[in-house]
PDB file of all heavy atoms in Angstrom:
ATOM      1  N   CYS A   1      -5.727   2.971  11.518  1.00  0.00           N
ATOM      2  CA  CYS A   1      -6.242   1.879  12.349  1.00  0.00           C
ATOM      3  C   CYS A   1      -5.200   1.481  13.404  1.00  0.00           C
ATOM      4  O   CYS A   1      -3.993   1.568  13.146  1.00  0.00           O
ATOM      5  CB  CYS A   1      -6.579   0.665  11.486  1.00  0.00           C
ATOM      6  SG  CYS A   1      -7.925   0.956  10.310  1.00  0.00           S
ATOM      7  N   PRO A   2      -5.644   1.015  14.571  1.00  0.00           N
ATOM      8  CA  PRO A   2      -4.702   0.587  15.612  1.00  0.00           C
ATOM      9  C   PRO A   2      -3.772  -0.528  15.130  1.00  0.00           C
ATOM     10  O   PRO A   2      -2.592  -0.551  15.476  1.00  0.00           O
ATOM     11  CB  PRO A   2      -5.620   0.100  16.743  1.00  0.00           C
ATOM     12  CG  PRO A   2      -6.923   0.795  16.506  1.00  0.00           C
ATOM     13  CD  PRO A   2      -7.048   0.942  15.029  1.00  0.00           C
ATOM     14  N   LYS A   3      -4.310  -1.460  14.382  1.00  0.00           N
ATOM     15  CA  LYS A   3      -3.507  -2.543  13.820  1.00  0.00           C
ATOM     16  C   LYS A   3      -3.515  -2.387  12.303  1.00  0.00           C
ATOM     17  O   LYS A   3      -4.576  -2.350  11.669  1.00  0.00           O
ATOM     18  CB  LYS A   3      -4.061  -3.906  14.227  1.00  0.00           C
ATOM     19  CG  LYS A   3      -3.248  -5.082  13.724  1.00  0.00           C
ATOM     20  CD  LYS A   3      -3.816  -6.400  14.209  1.00  0.00           C
ATOM     21  CE  LYS A   3      -3.563  -6.603  15.692  1.00  0.00           C
ATOM     22  NZ  LYS A   3      -3.951  -7.983  16.117  1.00  0.00           N
ATOM     23  N   LEU A   4      -2.329  -2.313  11.709  1.00  0.00           N
ATOM     24  CA  LEU A   4      -2.235  -2.060  10.273  1.00  0.00           C
ATOM     25  C   LEU A   4      -2.390  -3.346   9.471  1.00  0.00           C
ATOM     26  O   LEU A   4      -2.032  -4.432   9.934  1.00  0.00           O
ATOM     27  CB  LEU A   4      -0.881  -1.425   9.937  1.00  0.00           C
ATOM     28  CG  LEU A   4      -0.565  -0.087  10.601  1.00  0.00           C
ATOM     29  CD1 LEU A   4       0.786   0.415  10.113  1.00  0.00           C
ATOM     30  CD2 LEU A   4      -1.649   0.942  10.306  1.00  0.00           C
ATOM     31  N   PRO A   5      -2.922  -3.237   8.239  1.00  0.00           N
ATOM     32  CA  PRO A   5      -2.917  -4.409   7.358  1.00  0.00           C
ATOM     33  C   PRO A   5      -1.493  -4.765   6.981  1.00  0.00           C
ATOM     34  O   PRO A   5      -0.616  -3.893   6.958  1.00  0.00           O
ATOM     35  CB  PRO A   5      -3.718  -3.922   6.142  1.00  0.00           C
ATOM     36  CG  PRO A   5      -3.568  -2.440   6.146  1.00  0.00           C
ATOM     37  CD  PRO A   5      -3.488  -2.046   7.594  1.00  0.00           C
ATOM     38  N   THR A   6      -1.263  -6.022   6.693  1.00  0.00           N
ATOM     39  CA  THR A   6       0.068  -6.422   6.222  1.00  0.00           C
ATOM     40  C   THR A   6       0.183  -6.295   4.713  1.00  0.00           C
ATOM     41  O   THR A   6       1.290  -6.262   4.169  1.00  0.00           O
ATOM     42  CB  THR A   6       0.378  -7.871   6.622  1.00  0.00           C
ATOM     43  OG1 THR A   6      -0.548  -8.753   5.972  1.00  0.00           O
ATOM     44  CG2 THR A   6       0.268  -8.044   8.131  1.00  0.00           C
ATOM     45  N   ALA A   7      -0.967  -6.223   4.036  1.00  0.00           N
ATOM     46  CA  ALA A   7      -0.979  -6.066   2.588  1.00  0.00           C
ATOM     47  C   ALA A   7      -2.224  -5.289   2.182  1.00  0.00           C
ATOM     48  O   ALA A   7      -3.260  -5.356   2.847  1.00  0.00           O
ATOM     49  CB  ALA A   7      -0.956  -7.425   1.882  1.00  0.00           C
ATOM     50  N   ILE A   8      -2.121  -4.546   1.089  1.00  0.00           N
ATOM     51  CA  ILE A   8      -3.258  -3.821   0.526  1.00  0.00           C
ATOM     52  C   ILE A   8      -3.380  -4.210  -0.941  1.00  0.00           C
ATOM     53  O   ILE A   8      -2.417  -4.131  -1.701  1.00  0.00           O
ATOM     54  CB  ILE A   8      -3.085  -2.298   0.662  1.00  0.00           C
ATOM     55  CG1 ILE A   8      -3.096  -1.897   2.139  1.00  0.00           C
ATOM     56  CG2 ILE A   8      -4.186  -1.558  -0.092  1.00  0.00           C
ATOM     57  CD1 ILE A   8      -2.820  -0.419   2.389  1.00  0.00           C
ATOM     58  N   LEU A   9      -4.572  -4.638  -1.314  1.00  0.00           N
ATOM     59  CA  LEU A   9      -4.881  -4.987  -2.698  1.00  0.00           C
ATOM     60  C   LEU A   9      -5.793  -3.905  -3.260  1.00  0.00           C
ATOM     61  O   LEU A   9      -6.849  -3.624  -2.696  1.00  0.00           O
ATOM     62  CB  LEU A   9      -5.566  -6.353  -2.764  1.00  0.00           C
ATOM     63  CG  LEU A   9      -6.154  -6.781  -4.112  1.00  0.00           C
ATOM     64  CD1 LEU A   9      -5.071  -6.856  -5.183  1.00  0.00           C
ATOM     65  CD2 LEU A   9      -6.873  -8.123  -3.978  1.00  0.00           C
ATOM     66  N   ALA A  10      -5.390  -3.301  -4.337  1.00  0.00           N
ATOM     67  CA  ALA A  10      -6.196  -2.267  -4.991  1.00  0.00           C
ATOM     68  C   ALA A  10      -6.784  -2.827  -6.276  1.00  0.00           C
ATOM     69  O   ALA A  10      -6.131  -3.584  -6.998  1.00  0.00           O
ATOM     70  CB  ALA A  10      -5.354  -1.031  -5.295  1.00  0.00           C
ATOM     71  N   ALA A  11      -8.020  -2.436  -6.574  1.00  0.00           N
ATOM     72  CA  ALA A  11      -8.734  -2.981  -7.732  1.00  0.00           C
ATOM     73  C   ALA A  11      -8.285  -2.367  -9.048  1.00  0.00           C
ATOM     74  O   ALA A  11      -8.808  -2.732 -10.099  1.00  0.00           O
ATOM     75  CB  ALA A  11     -10.246  -2.801  -7.567  1.00  0.00           C
ATOM     76  N   ASN A  12      -7.339  -1.436  -9.026  1.00  0.00           N
ATOM     77  CA  ASN A  12      -6.614  -1.067 -10.242  1.00  0.00           C
ATOM     78  C   ASN A  12      -5.247  -0.507  -9.853  1.00  0.00           C
ATOM     79  O   ASN A  12      -4.975  -0.222  -8.683  1.00  0.00           O
ATOM     80  CB  ASN A  12      -7.419  -0.119 -11.144  1.00  0.00           C
ATOM     81  CG  ASN A  12      -7.418   1.327 -10.689  1.00  0.00           C
ATOM     82  OD1 ASN A  12      -6.949   1.655  -9.600  1.00  0.00           O
ATOM     83  ND2 ASN A  12      -7.955   2.201 -11.510  1.00  0.00           N
ATOM     84  N   ASP A  13      -4.378  -0.368 -10.840  1.00  0.00           N
ATOM     85  CA  ASP A  13      -2.997   0.026 -10.566  1.00  0.00           C
ATOM     86  C   ASP A  13      -2.879   1.475 -10.105  1.00  0.00           C
ATOM     87  O   ASP A  13      -2.005   1.807  -9.296  1.00  0.00           O
ATOM     88  CB  ASP A  13      -2.137  -0.187 -11.815  1.00  0.00           C
ATOM     89  CG  ASP A  13      -1.900  -1.651 -12.126  1.00  0.00           C
ATOM     90  OD1 ASP A  13      -2.130  -2.495 -11.238  1.00  0.00           O
ATOM     91  OD2 ASP A  13      -1.488  -1.949 -13.259  1.00  0.00           O
ATOM     92  N   LEU A  14      -3.740   2.360 -10.630  1.00  0.00           N
ATOM     93  CA  LEU A  14      -3.668   3.758 -10.211  1.00  0.00           C
ATOM     94  C   LEU A  14      -3.902   3.876  -8.709  1.00  0.00           C
ATOM     95  O   LEU A  14      -3.187   4.610  -8.013  1.00  0.00           O
ATOM     96  CB  LEU A  14      -4.688   4.600 -10.974  1.00  0.00           C
ATOM     97  CG  LEU A  14      -4.384   4.882 -12.446  1.00  0.00           C
ATOM     98  CD1 LEU A  14      -5.535   5.655 -13.086  1.00  0.00           C
ATOM     99  CD2 LEU A  14      -3.080   5.661 -12.588  1.00  0.00           C
ATOM    100  N   MET A  15      -4.898   3.190  -8.195  1.00  0.00           N
ATOM    101  CA  MET A  15      -5.152   3.226  -6.753  1.00  0.00           C
ATOM    102  C   MET A  15      -3.999   2.596  -5.981  1.00  0.00           C
ATOM    103  O   MET A  15      -3.649   3.057  -4.886  1.00  0.00           O
ATOM    104  CB  MET A  15      -6.473   2.542  -6.427  1.00  0.00           C
ATOM    105  CG  MET A  15      -7.694   3.245  -6.997  1.00  0.00           C
ATOM    106  SD  MET A  15      -9.276   2.601  -6.387  1.00  0.00           S
ATOM    107  CE  MET A  15      -9.241   0.912  -6.999  1.00  0.00           C
ATOM    108  N   ALA A  16      -3.396   1.546  -6.535  1.00  0.00           N
ATOM    109  CA  ALA A  16      -2.258   0.898  -5.873  1.00  0.00           C
ATOM    110  C   ALA A  16      -1.074   1.859  -5.771  1.00  0.00           C
ATOM    111  O   ALA A  16      -0.391   1.914  -4.738  1.00  0.00           O
ATOM    112  CB  ALA A  16      -1.859  -0.361  -6.633  1.00  0.00           C
ATOM    113  N   ILE A  17      -0.835   2.634  -6.815  1.00  0.00           N
ATOM    114  CA  ILE A  17       0.271   3.594  -6.799  1.00  0.00           C
ATOM    115  C   ILE A  17      -0.009   4.692  -5.769  1.00  0.00           C
ATOM    116  O   ILE A  17       0.878   5.113  -5.025  1.00  0.00           O
ATOM    117  CB  ILE A  17       0.490   4.171  -8.206  1.00  0.00           C
ATOM    118  CG1 ILE A  17       1.015   3.065  -9.136  1.00  0.00           C
ATOM    119  CG2 ILE A  17       1.471   5.340  -8.175  1.00  0.00           C
ATOM    120  CD1 ILE A  17       1.022   3.433 -10.603  1.00  0.00           C
ATOM    121  N   GLY A  18      -1.263   5.156  -5.704  1.00  0.00           N
ATOM    122  CA  GLY A  18      -1.631   6.114  -4.673  1.00  0.00           C
ATOM    123  C   GLY A  18      -1.458   5.542  -3.286  1.00  0.00           C
ATOM    124  O   GLY A  18      -1.034   6.232  -2.347  1.00  0.00           O
ATOM    125  N   SER A  19      -1.783   4.259  -3.139  1.00  0.00           N
ATOM    126  CA  SER A  19      -1.618   3.580  -1.859  1.00  0.00           C
ATOM    127  C   SER A  19      -0.149   3.543  -1.436  1.00  0.00           C
ATOM    128  O   SER A  19       0.183   3.812  -0.281  1.00  0.00           O
ATOM    129  CB  SER A  19      -2.184   2.156  -1.958  1.00  0.00           C
ATOM    130  OG  SER A  19      -2.011   1.449  -0.755  1.00  0.00           O
ATOM    131  N   MET A  20       0.736   3.217  -2.375  1.00  0.00           N
ATOM    132  CA  MET A  20       2.161   3.177  -2.056  1.00  0.00           C
ATOM    133  C   MET A  20       2.659   4.542  -1.619  1.00  0.00           C
ATOM    134  O   MET A  20       3.457   4.661  -0.675  1.00  0.00           O
ATOM    135  CB  MET A  20       2.960   2.665  -3.258  1.00  0.00           C
ATOM    136  CG  MET A  20       2.740   1.198  -3.562  1.00  0.00           C
ATOM    137  SD  MET A  20       4.029   0.456  -4.609  1.00  0.00           S
ATOM    138  CE  MET A  20       3.825   1.392  -6.123  1.00  0.00           C
ATOM    139  N   LYS A  21       2.163   5.585  -2.262  1.00  0.00           N
ATOM    140  CA  LYS A  21       2.589   6.944  -1.900  1.00  0.00           C
ATOM    141  C   LYS A  21       2.175   7.273  -0.473  1.00  0.00           C
ATOM    142  O   LYS A  21       2.954   7.859   0.291  1.00  0.00           O
ATOM    143  CB  LYS A  21       1.986   7.956  -2.873  1.00  0.00           C
ATOM    144  CG  LYS A  21       2.444   9.383  -2.633  1.00  0.00           C
ATOM    145  CD  LYS A  21       1.895  10.333  -3.687  1.00  0.00           C
ATOM    146  CE  LYS A  21       2.366  11.759  -3.411  1.00  0.00           C
ATOM    147  NZ  LYS A  21       1.827  12.722  -4.422  1.00  0.00           N
ATOM    148  N   ALA A  22       0.951   6.892  -0.083  1.00  0.00           N
ATOM    149  CA  ALA A  22       0.473   7.158   1.276  1.00  0.00           C
ATOM    150  C   ALA A  22       1.301   6.400   2.306  1.00  0.00           C
ATOM    151  O   ALA A  22       1.644   6.931   3.368  1.00  0.00           O
ATOM    152  CB  ALA A  22      -0.998   6.777   1.396  1.00  0.00           C
ATOM    153  N   ILE A  23       1.634   5.148   2.002  1.00  0.00           N
ATOM    154  CA  ILE A  23       2.436   4.327   2.913  1.00  0.00           C
ATOM    155  C   ILE A  23       3.819   4.941   3.096  1.00  0.00           C
ATOM    156  O   ILE A  23       4.338   5.058   4.215  1.00  0.00           O
ATOM    157  CB  ILE A  23       2.538   2.888   2.380  1.00  0.00           C
ATOM    158  CG1 ILE A  23       1.169   2.202   2.439  1.00  0.00           C
ATOM    159  CG2 ILE A  23       3.577   2.081   3.165  1.00  0.00           C
ATOM    160  CD1 ILE A  23       1.104   0.899   1.669  1.00  0.00           C
ATOM    161  N   GLN A  24       4.419   5.358   1.986  1.00  0.00           N
ATOM    162  CA  GLN A  24       5.756   5.941   2.042  1.00  0.00           C
ATOM    163  C   GLN A  24       5.755   7.278   2.767  1.00  0.00           C
ATOM    164  O   GLN A  24       6.691   7.599   3.506  1.00  0.00           O
ATOM    165  CB  GLN A  24       6.307   6.069   0.628  1.00  0.00           C
ATOM    166  CG  GLN A  24       6.604   4.716  -0.015  1.00  0.00           C
ATOM    167  CD  GLN A  24       6.729   4.772  -1.529  1.00  0.00           C
ATOM    168  OE1 GLN A  24       6.370   5.764  -2.166  1.00  0.00           O
ATOM    169  NE2 GLN A  24       7.232   3.692  -2.126  1.00  0.00           N
ATOM    170  N   LYS A  25       4.690   8.064   2.589  1.00  0.00           N
ATOM    171  CA  LYS A  25       4.615   9.355   3.271  1.00  0.00           C
ATOM    172  C   LYS A  25       4.529   9.166   4.778  1.00  0.00           C
ATOM    173  O   LYS A  25       5.023   9.995   5.553  1.00  0.00           O
ATOM    174  CB  LYS A  25       3.411  10.146   2.774  1.00  0.00           C
ATOM    175  CG  LYS A  25       3.346  11.551   3.359  1.00  0.00           C
ATOM    176  CD  LYS A  25       2.215  12.371   2.786  1.00  0.00           C
ATOM    177  CE  LYS A  25       2.187  13.773   3.380  1.00  0.00           C
ATOM    178  NZ  LYS A  25       1.092  14.608   2.839  1.00  0.00           N
ATOM    179  N   LYS A  26       3.917   8.081   5.210  1.00  0.00           N
ATOM    180  CA  LYS A  26       3.810   7.798   6.649  1.00  0.00           C
ATOM    181  C   LYS A  26       5.149   7.355   7.228  1.00  0.00           C
ATOM    182  O   LYS A  26       5.317   7.263   8.440  1.00  0.00           O
ATOM    183  CB  LYS A  26       2.751   6.708   6.886  1.00  0.00           C
ATOM    184  CG  LYS A  26       2.445   6.433   8.356  1.00  0.00           C
ATOM    185  CD  LYS A  26       1.354   5.397   8.510  1.00  0.00           C
ATOM    186  CE  LYS A  26       1.172   4.989   9.982  1.00  0.00           C
ATOM    187  NZ  LYS A  26       0.699   6.119  10.804  1.00  0.00           N
ATOM    188  N   GLY A  27       6.123   7.099   6.381  1.00  0.00           N
ATOM    189  CA  GLY A  27       7.424   6.653   6.847  1.00  0.00           C
ATOM    190  C   GLY A  27       7.603   5.155   6.839  1.00  0.00           C
ATOM    191  O   GLY A  27       8.603   4.639   7.345  1.00  0.00           O
ATOM    192  N   CYS A  28       6.623   4.453   6.263  1.00  0.00           N
ATOM    193  CA  CYS A  28       6.717   2.999   6.140  1.00  0.00           C
ATOM    194  C   CYS A  28       7.291   2.623   4.779  1.00  0.00           C
ATOM    195  O   CYS A  28       7.335   3.439   3.857  1.00  0.00           O
ATOM    196  CB  CYS A  28       5.341   2.358   6.323  1.00  0.00           C
ATOM    197  SG  CYS A  28       4.599   2.661   7.935  1.00  0.00           S
ATOM    198  N   LYS A  29       7.706   1.386   4.657  1.00  0.00           N
ATOM    199  CA  LYS A  29       8.304   0.916   3.414  1.00  0.00           C
ATOM    200  C   LYS A  29       7.421  -0.132   2.744  1.00  0.00           C
ATOM    201  O   LYS A  29       6.826  -0.969   3.412  1.00  0.00           O
ATOM    202  CB  LYS A  29       9.692   0.326   3.685  1.00  0.00           C
ATOM    203  CG  LYS A  29      10.710   1.337   4.178  1.00  0.00           C
ATOM    204  CD  LYS A  29      12.079   0.675   4.381  1.00  0.00           C
ATOM    205  CE  LYS A  29      13.114   1.690   4.843  1.00  0.00           C
ATOM    206  NZ  LYS A  29      14.447   1.051   5.045  1.00  0.00           N
ATOM    207  N   VAL A  30       7.376  -0.047   1.406  1.00  0.00           N
ATOM    208  CA  VAL A  30       6.726  -1.064   0.579  1.00  0.00           C
ATOM    209  C   VAL A  30       7.838  -1.864  -0.101  1.00  0.00           C
ATOM    210  O   VAL A  30       8.687  -1.282  -0.779  1.00  0.00           O
ATOM    211  CB  VAL A  30       5.823  -0.414  -0.495  1.00  0.00           C
ATOM    212  CG1 VAL A  30       5.178  -1.481  -1.384  1.00  0.00           C
ATOM    213  CG2 VAL A  30       4.756   0.478   0.137  1.00  0.00           C
ATOM    214  N   PRO A  31       7.902  -3.171   0.082  1.00  0.00           N
ATOM    215  CA  PRO A  31       6.945  -4.049   0.766  1.00  0.00           C
ATOM    216  C   PRO A  31       7.374  -4.463   2.176  1.00  0.00           C
ATOM    217  O   PRO A  31       6.731  -5.317   2.774  1.00  0.00           O
ATOM    218  CB  PRO A  31       6.939  -5.263  -0.142  1.00  0.00           C
ATOM    219  CG  PRO A  31       8.370  -5.370  -0.584  1.00  0.00           C
ATOM    220  CD  PRO A  31       8.867  -3.943  -0.727  1.00  0.00           C
ATOM    221  N   ASP A  32       8.456  -3.868   2.705  1.00  0.00           N
ATOM    222  CA  ASP A  32       9.000  -4.350   3.982  1.00  0.00           C
ATOM    223  C   ASP A  32       7.969  -4.267   5.103  1.00  0.00           C
ATOM    224  O   ASP A  32       7.862  -5.188   5.932  1.00  0.00           O
ATOM    225  CB  ASP A  32      10.242  -3.549   4.357  1.00  0.00           C
ATOM    226  CG  ASP A  32      11.405  -3.803   3.413  1.00  0.00           C
ATOM    227  OD1 ASP A  32      11.258  -4.664   2.529  1.00  0.00           O
ATOM    228  OD2 ASP A  32      12.446  -3.147   3.557  1.00  0.00           O
ATOM    229  N   ASP A  33       7.224  -3.154   5.146  1.00  0.00           N
ATOM    230  CA  ASP A  33       6.222  -2.976   6.198  1.00  0.00           C
ATOM    231  C   ASP A  33       4.829  -3.385   5.736  1.00  0.00           C
ATOM    232  O   ASP A  33       4.105  -4.067   6.460  1.00  0.00           O
ATOM    233  CB  ASP A  33       6.210  -1.521   6.671  1.00  0.00           C
ATOM    234  CG  ASP A  33       7.539  -1.089   7.251  1.00  0.00           C
ATOM    235  OD1 ASP A  33       8.072  -1.824   8.111  1.00  0.00           O
ATOM    236  OD2 ASP A  33       8.057  -0.030   6.849  1.00  0.00           O
ATOM    237  N   ILE A  34       4.452  -2.955   4.558  1.00  0.00           N
ATOM    238  CA  ILE A  34       3.145  -3.277   3.988  1.00  0.00           C
ATOM    239  C   ILE A  34       3.328  -3.601   2.509  1.00  0.00           C
ATOM    240  O   ILE A  34       3.925  -2.816   1.769  1.00  0.00           O
ATOM    241  CB  ILE A  34       2.147  -2.102   4.139  1.00  0.00           C
ATOM    242  CG1 ILE A  34       1.979  -1.726   5.616  1.00  0.00           C
ATOM    243  CG2 ILE A  34       0.793  -2.473   3.520  1.00  0.00           C
ATOM    244  CD1 ILE A  34       1.082  -0.512   5.843  1.00  0.00           C
ATOM    245  N   SER A  35       2.835  -4.744   2.096  1.00  0.00           N
ATOM    246  CA  SER A  35       2.854  -5.107   0.667  1.00  0.00           C
ATOM    247  C   SER A  35       1.677  -4.445  -0.046  1.00  0.00           C
ATOM    248  O   SER A  35       0.625  -4.214   0.547  1.00  0.00           O
ATOM    249  CB  SER A  35       2.771  -6.627   0.506  1.00  0.00           C
ATOM    250  OG  SER A  35       3.934  -7.257   0.989  1.00  0.00           O
ATOM    251  N   VAL A  36       1.875  -4.151  -1.317  1.00  0.00           N
ATOM    252  CA  VAL A  36       0.819  -3.525  -2.128  1.00  0.00           C
ATOM    253  C   VAL A  36       0.729  -4.264  -3.463  1.00  0.00           C
ATOM    254  O   VAL A  36       1.749  -4.571  -4.087  1.00  0.00           O
ATOM    255  CB  VAL A  36       1.086  -2.028  -2.372  1.00  0.00           C
ATOM    256  CG1 VAL A  36       0.025  -1.435  -3.307  1.00  0.00           C
ATOM    257  CG2 VAL A  36       1.105  -1.253  -1.062  1.00  0.00           C
ATOM    258  N   MET A  37      -0.494  -4.524  -3.886  1.00  0.00           N
ATOM    259  CA  MET A  37      -0.720  -5.213  -5.153  1.00  0.00           C
ATOM    260  C   MET A  37      -1.824  -4.500  -5.925  1.00  0.00           C
ATOM    261  O   MET A  37      -2.788  -4.004  -5.346  1.00  0.00           O
ATOM    262  CB  MET A  37      -1.109  -6.670  -4.898  1.00  0.00           C
ATOM    263  CG  MET A  37      -1.167  -7.526  -6.134  1.00  0.00           C
ATOM    264  SD  MET A  37      -1.310  -9.281  -5.676  1.00  0.00           S
ATOM    265  CE  MET A  37      -1.399 -10.008  -7.313  1.00  0.00           C
ATOM    266  N   GLY A  38      -1.664  -4.424  -7.243  1.00  0.00           N
ATOM    267  CA  GLY A  38      -2.643  -3.753  -8.088  1.00  0.00           C
ATOM    268  C   GLY A  38      -3.368  -4.714  -9.016  1.00  0.00           C
ATOM    269  O   GLY A  38      -3.339  -5.930  -8.840  1.00  0.00           O
ATOM    270  N   TYR A  39      -4.016  -4.105 -10.013  1.00  0.00           N
ATOM    271  CA  TYR A  39      -4.778  -4.880 -10.994  1.00  0.00           C
ATOM    272  C   TYR A  39      -4.843  -4.057 -12.281  1.00  0.00           C
ATOM    273  O   TYR A  39      -5.145  -2.873 -12.239  1.00  0.00           O
ATOM    274  CB  TYR A  39      -6.195  -5.143 -10.472  1.00  0.00           C
ATOM    275  CG  TYR A  39      -6.977  -6.203 -11.213  1.00  0.00           C
ATOM    276  CD1 TYR A  39      -7.153  -7.469 -10.672  1.00  0.00           C
ATOM    277  CD2 TYR A  39      -7.537  -5.946 -12.465  1.00  0.00           C
ATOM    278  CE1 TYR A  39      -7.864  -8.449 -11.345  1.00  0.00           C
ATOM    279  CE2 TYR A  39      -8.253  -6.917 -13.139  1.00  0.00           C
ATOM    280  CZ  TYR A  39      -8.419  -8.165 -12.585  1.00  0.00           C
ATOM    281  OH  TYR A  39      -9.129  -9.133 -13.274  1.00  0.00           O
ATOM    282  N   ASP A  40      -4.544  -4.675 -13.398  1.00  0.00           N
ATOM    283  CA  ASP A  40      -4.606  -4.113 -14.765  1.00  0.00           C
ATOM    284  C   ASP A  40      -3.285  -4.256 -15.495  1.00  0.00           C
ATOM    285  O   ASP A  40      -3.263  -4.516 -16.682  1.00  0.00           O
ATOM    286  CB  ASP A  40      -5.027  -2.629 -14.815  1.00  0.00           C
ATOM    287  CG  ASP A  40      -6.514  -2.424 -14.595  1.00  0.00           C
ATOM    288  OD1 ASP A  40      -7.278  -3.406 -14.764  1.00  0.00           O
ATOM    289  OD2 ASP A  40      -6.913  -1.304 -14.229  1.00  0.00           O
TER     290      ASP A  40
END
């Protein structure tokens, strides 16, 4: 997206961990650039 979210909430922890991996692969940092939160 042209403008990135500042935080991503995943409805379970597995998806949150996958989300962190995607953010890190892009060269961004969790949580400095994008915060990530899970559930479970």
